[in-house]
């Protein structure tokens, strides 16, 4: 693949992931109670951990989005986004297999569905590609 194309494609992916995580995090920051209900719906976390996750995770999403634009920090942001996406893919898949219904807690109005799980898996793939791309010589 042409190096200029790879660089351009990587920046397009970074900007896209950054915008997605910034918007998703901001929505959750503005509605922590709604996000807490969404997190609790999965039934994965102990009840006592739900408020901490509902209050902390959105800020991690926004922070990781921001550092994607800082060259010396972007690899950390990409790794953090890849790790979060891996957890999100696992959580949505678990919910679907378990018959849990409702909003996924991702973006406003996104339902727990197989298309949502596939989208999350594609975003995970994009994040992993970015991590590997920045490690290439």
C-alpha atoms as a PDB file:
ATOM      1  CA  UNK A   1       0.000   0.000   0.000  1.00  0.00           C
ATOM      2  CA  UNK A   2       1.255   3.481  -0.866  1.00  0.00           C
ATOM      3  CA  UNK A   3       2.807   5.117   2.248  1.00  0.00           C
ATOM      4  CA  UNK A   4       1.012   8.430   1.628  1.00  0.00           C
ATOM      5  CA  UNK A   5      -2.312   6.614   1.355  1.00  0.00           C
ATOM      6  CA  UNK A   6      -1.605   4.658   4.564  1.00  0.00           C
ATOM      7  CA  UNK A   7      -0.805   7.866   6.432  1.00  0.00           C
ATOM      8  CA  UNK A   8      -3.931   9.600   5.142  1.00  0.00           C
ATOM      9  CA  UNK A   9      -6.106   6.559   5.875  1.00  0.00           C
ATOM     10  CA  UNK A  10      -4.678   6.311   9.405  1.00  0.00           C
ATOM     11  CA  UNK A  11      -5.496   9.952  10.108  1.00  0.00           C
ATOM     12  CA  UNK A  12      -9.023   9.542   8.751  1.00  0.00           C
ATOM     13  CA  UNK A  13      -9.527   6.547  11.064  1.00  0.00           C
ATOM     14  CA  UNK A  14      -8.056   8.453  14.029  1.00  0.00           C
ATOM     15  CA  UNK A  15     -10.299  11.450  13.438  1.00  0.00           C
ATOM     16  CA  UNK A  16     -13.352   9.214  12.977  1.00  0.00           C
ATOM     17  CA  UNK A  17     -12.659   7.197  16.134  1.00  0.00           C
ATOM     18  CA  UNK A  18     -11.826  10.369  18.022  1.00  0.00           C
ATOM     19  CA  UNK A  19     -15.083  12.047  17.041  1.00  0.00           C
ATOM     20  CA  UNK A  20     -17.073   8.920  17.840  1.00  0.00           C
ATOM     21  CA  UNK A  21     -15.524   8.543  21.291  1.00  0.00           C
ATOM     22  CA  UNK A  22     -15.774  12.271  22.042  1.00  0.00           C
ATOM     23  CA  UNK A  23     -19.478  12.358  21.161  1.00  0.00           C
ATOM     24  CA  UNK A  24     -20.250   9.077  22.935  1.00  0.00           C
ATOM     25  CA  UNK A  25     -18.390  10.184  26.053  1.00  0.00           C
ATOM     26  CA  UNK A  26     -20.032  13.621  26.059  1.00  0.00           C
ATOM     27  CA  UNK A  27     -23.511  12.070  25.803  1.00  0.00           C
ATOM     28  CA  UNK A  28     -22.772   9.870  28.795  1.00  0.00           C
ATOM     29  CA  UNK A  29     -21.287  12.750  30.790  1.00  0.00           C
ATOM     30  CA  UNK A  30     -24.495  14.716  30.215  1.00  0.00           C
ATOM     31  CA  UNK A  31     -26.694  11.782  31.314  1.00  0.00           C
ATOM     32  CA  UNK A  32     -24.816   9.791  33.964  1.00  0.00           C
ATOM     33  CA  UNK A  33     -28.002   8.313  35.439  1.00  0.00           C
ATOM     34  CA  UNK A  34     -29.176   7.025  32.049  1.00  0.00           C
ATOM     35  CA  UNK A  35     -25.744   5.583  31.369  1.00  0.00           C
ATOM     36  CA  UNK A  36     -25.690   3.948  34.813  1.00  0.00           C
ATOM     37  CA  UNK A  37     -28.993   2.219  33.981  1.00  0.00           C
ATOM     38  CA  UNK A  38     -27.511   1.028  30.680  1.00  0.00           C
ATOM     39  CA  UNK A  39     -24.381  -0.325  32.409  1.00  0.00           C
ATOM     40  CA  UNK A  40     -26.483  -2.038  35.075  1.00  0.00           C
ATOM     41  CA  UNK A  41     -28.731  -3.633  32.407  1.00  0.00           C
ATOM     42  CA  UNK A  42     -25.810  -5.815  31.279  1.00  0.00           C
ATOM     43  CA  UNK A  43     -25.642  -7.428  34.734  1.00  0.00           C
ATOM     44  CA  UNK A  44     -21.889  -7.932  34.411  1.00  0.00           C
ATOM     45  CA  UNK A  45     -20.595  -5.589  37.100  1.00  0.00           C
ATOM     46  CA  UNK A  46     -21.229  -5.736  40.824  1.00  0.00           C
ATOM     47  CA  UNK A  47     -23.941  -3.222  41.698  1.00  0.00           C
ATOM     48  CA  UNK A  48     -21.478  -1.162  43.754  1.00  0.00           C
ATOM     49  CA  UNK A  49     -19.191  -0.677  40.717  1.00  0.00           C
ATOM     50  CA  UNK A  50     -21.895   0.660  38.385  1.00  0.00           C
ATOM     51  CA  UNK A  51     -21.822   4.289  39.583  1.00  0.00           C
ATOM     52  CA  UNK A  52     -18.019   4.485  39.332  1.00  0.00           C
ATOM     53  CA  UNK A  53     -18.058   3.062  35.807  1.00  0.00           C
ATOM     54  CA  UNK A  54     -20.946   5.311  34.769  1.00  0.00           C
ATOM     55  CA  UNK A  55     -19.120   8.395  36.024  1.00  0.00           C
ATOM     56  CA  UNK A  56     -15.563   7.447  35.008  1.00  0.00           C
ATOM     57  CA  UNK A  57     -15.827   5.655  31.668  1.00  0.00           C
ATOM     58  CA  UNK A  58     -17.228   8.636  29.734  1.00  0.00           C
ATOM     59  CA  UNK A  59     -14.270  10.781  30.790  1.00  0.00           C
ATOM     60  CA  UNK A  60     -11.858   8.037  29.712  1.00  0.00           C
ATOM     61  CA  UNK A  61     -13.621   7.960  26.321  1.00  0.00           C
ATOM     62  CA  UNK A  62     -13.306  11.730  25.886  1.00  0.00           C
ATOM     63  CA  UNK A  63      -9.681  11.739  27.058  1.00  0.00           C
ATOM     64  CA  UNK A  64      -8.717   8.884  24.743  1.00  0.00           C
ATOM     65  CA  UNK A  65     -10.379  10.726  21.842  1.00  0.00           C
ATOM     66  CA  UNK A  66      -8.396  13.869  22.583  1.00  0.00           C
ATOM     67  CA  UNK A  67      -4.996  12.208  22.801  1.00  0.00           C
ATOM     68  CA  UNK A  68      -5.450  10.671  19.349  1.00  0.00           C
ATOM     69  CA  UNK A  69      -4.614  14.110  17.971  1.00  0.00           C
ATOM     70  CA  UNK A  70      -1.371  14.490  19.943  1.00  0.00           C
ATOM     71  CA  UNK A  71       1.379  12.634  18.061  1.00  0.00           C
ATOM     72  CA  UNK A  72       3.442  11.750  21.147  1.00  0.00           C
ATOM     73  CA  UNK A  73       0.345  10.383  22.944  1.00  0.00           C
ATOM     74  CA  UNK A  74      -1.715   8.937  20.110  1.00  0.00           C
ATOM     75  CA  UNK A  75      -0.451   5.364  20.488  1.00  0.00           C
ATOM     76  CA  UNK A  76      -1.664   5.374  24.102  1.00  0.00           C
ATOM     77  CA  UNK A  77      -5.059   6.660  22.950  1.00  0.00           C
ATOM     78  CA  UNK A  78      -5.275   4.037  20.215  1.00  0.00           C
ATOM     79  CA  UNK A  79      -4.400   1.250  22.662  1.00  0.00           C
ATOM     80  CA  UNK A  80      -6.944   2.526  25.162  1.00  0.00           C
ATOM     81  CA  UNK A  81      -9.659   2.710  22.503  1.00  0.00           C
ATOM     82  CA  UNK A  82      -8.775  -0.782  21.263  1.00  0.00           C
ATOM     83  CA  UNK A  83      -9.000  -2.137  24.826  1.00  0.00           C
ATOM     84  CA  UNK A  84     -12.347  -0.415  25.434  1.00  0.00           C
ATOM     85  CA  UNK A  85     -13.704  -1.691  22.116  1.00  0.00           C
ATOM     86  CA  UNK A  86     -12.676  -5.257  23.003  1.00  0.00           C
ATOM     87  CA  UNK A  87     -14.596  -4.970  26.280  1.00  0.00           C
ATOM     88  CA  UNK A  88     -17.577  -3.366  24.509  1.00  0.00           C
ATOM     89  CA  UNK A  89     -17.697  -6.130  21.869  1.00  0.00           C
ATOM     90  CA  UNK A  90     -17.598  -8.764  24.597  1.00  0.00           C
ATOM     91  CA  UNK A  91     -20.278  -7.004  26.674  1.00  0.00           C
ATOM     92  CA  UNK A  92     -22.686  -6.502  23.763  1.00  0.00           C
ATOM     93  CA  UNK A  93     -22.187 -10.088  22.590  1.00  0.00           C
ATOM     94  CA  UNK A  94     -22.784 -11.368  26.126  1.00  0.00           C
ATOM     95  CA  UNK A  95     -25.964  -9.286  26.384  1.00  0.00           C
ATOM     96  CA  UNK A  96     -27.272 -10.567  23.062  1.00  0.00           C
ATOM     97  CA  UNK A  97     -26.540 -14.209  23.873  1.00  0.00           C
ATOM     98  CA  UNK A  98     -28.170 -13.714  27.290  1.00  0.00           C
ATOM     99  CA  UNK A  99     -31.332 -12.224  25.770  1.00  0.00           C
ATOM    100  CA  UNK A 100     -30.853  -8.771  27.309  1.00  0.00           C
ATOM    101  CA  UNK A 101     -32.758  -6.097  25.398  1.00  0.00           C
ATOM    102  CA  UNK A 102     -32.769  -2.305  25.301  1.00  0.00           C
ATOM    103  CA  UNK A 103     -30.298   0.416  24.452  1.00  0.00           C
ATOM    104  CA  UNK A 104     -26.656  -0.552  24.452  1.00  0.00           C
ATOM    105  CA  UNK A 105     -25.436   2.558  26.268  1.00  0.00           C
ATOM    106  CA  UNK A 106     -23.129   3.334  23.346  1.00  0.00           C
ATOM    107  CA  UNK A 107     -24.668   6.312  21.582  1.00  0.00           C
ATOM    108  CA  UNK A 108     -28.138   7.738  22.027  1.00  0.00           C
ATOM    109  CA  UNK A 109     -30.726   5.330  20.703  1.00  0.00           C
ATOM    110  CA  UNK A 110     -28.403   2.483  19.683  1.00  0.00           C
ATOM    111  CA  UNK A 111     -30.091  -0.784  20.490  1.00  0.00           C
ATOM    112  CA  UNK A 112     -28.477  -3.973  21.697  1.00  0.00           C
ATOM    113  CA  UNK A 113     -28.405  -5.844  18.390  1.00  0.00           C
ATOM    114  CA  UNK A 114     -26.149  -7.940  16.220  1.00  0.00           C
ATOM    115  CA  UNK A 115     -25.535  -4.997  13.853  1.00  0.00           C
ATOM    116  CA  UNK A 116     -24.320  -3.024  16.892  1.00  0.00           C
ATOM    117  CA  UNK A 117     -21.997  -5.891  17.851  1.00  0.00           C
ATOM    118  CA  UNK A 118     -20.656  -6.051  14.286  1.00  0.00           C
ATOM    119  CA  UNK A 119     -20.108  -2.289  14.204  1.00  0.00           C
ATOM    120  CA  UNK A 120     -18.201  -2.494  17.474  1.00  0.00           C
ATOM    121  CA  UNK A 121     -16.083  -5.353  16.101  1.00  0.00           C
ATOM    122  CA  UNK A 122     -15.258  -3.263  13.013  1.00  0.00           C
ATOM    123  CA  UNK A 123     -14.290  -0.318  15.220  1.00  0.00           C
ATOM    124  CA  UNK A 124     -12.120  -2.677  17.271  1.00  0.00           C
ATOM    125  CA  UNK A 125     -10.450  -3.778  14.042  1.00  0.00           C
ATOM    126  CA  UNK A 126      -9.817  -0.151  13.072  1.00  0.00           C
ATOM    127  CA  UNK A 127      -8.290   0.618  16.472  1.00  0.00           C
ATOM    128  CA  UNK A 128      -6.058  -2.472  16.370  1.00  0.00           C
ATOM    129  CA  UNK A 129      -4.944  -1.575  12.829  1.00  0.00           C
ATOM    130  CA  UNK A 130      -3.971   1.902  14.054  1.00  0.00           C
ATOM    131  CA  UNK A 131      -1.981   0.443  16.946  1.00  0.00           C
ATOM    132  CA  UNK A 132      -0.137  -1.896  14.586  1.00  0.00           C
ATOM    133  CA  UNK A 133       0.333   0.825  11.960  1.00  0.00           C
ATOM    134  CA  UNK A 134       2.083   3.091  14.446  1.00  0.00           C
ATOM    135  CA  UNK A 135       4.369   0.216  15.479  1.00  0.00           C
ATOM    136  CA  UNK A 136       5.430  -0.494  11.882  1.00  0.00           C
ATOM    137  CA  UNK A 137       8.954   0.679  11.005  1.00  0.00           C
END
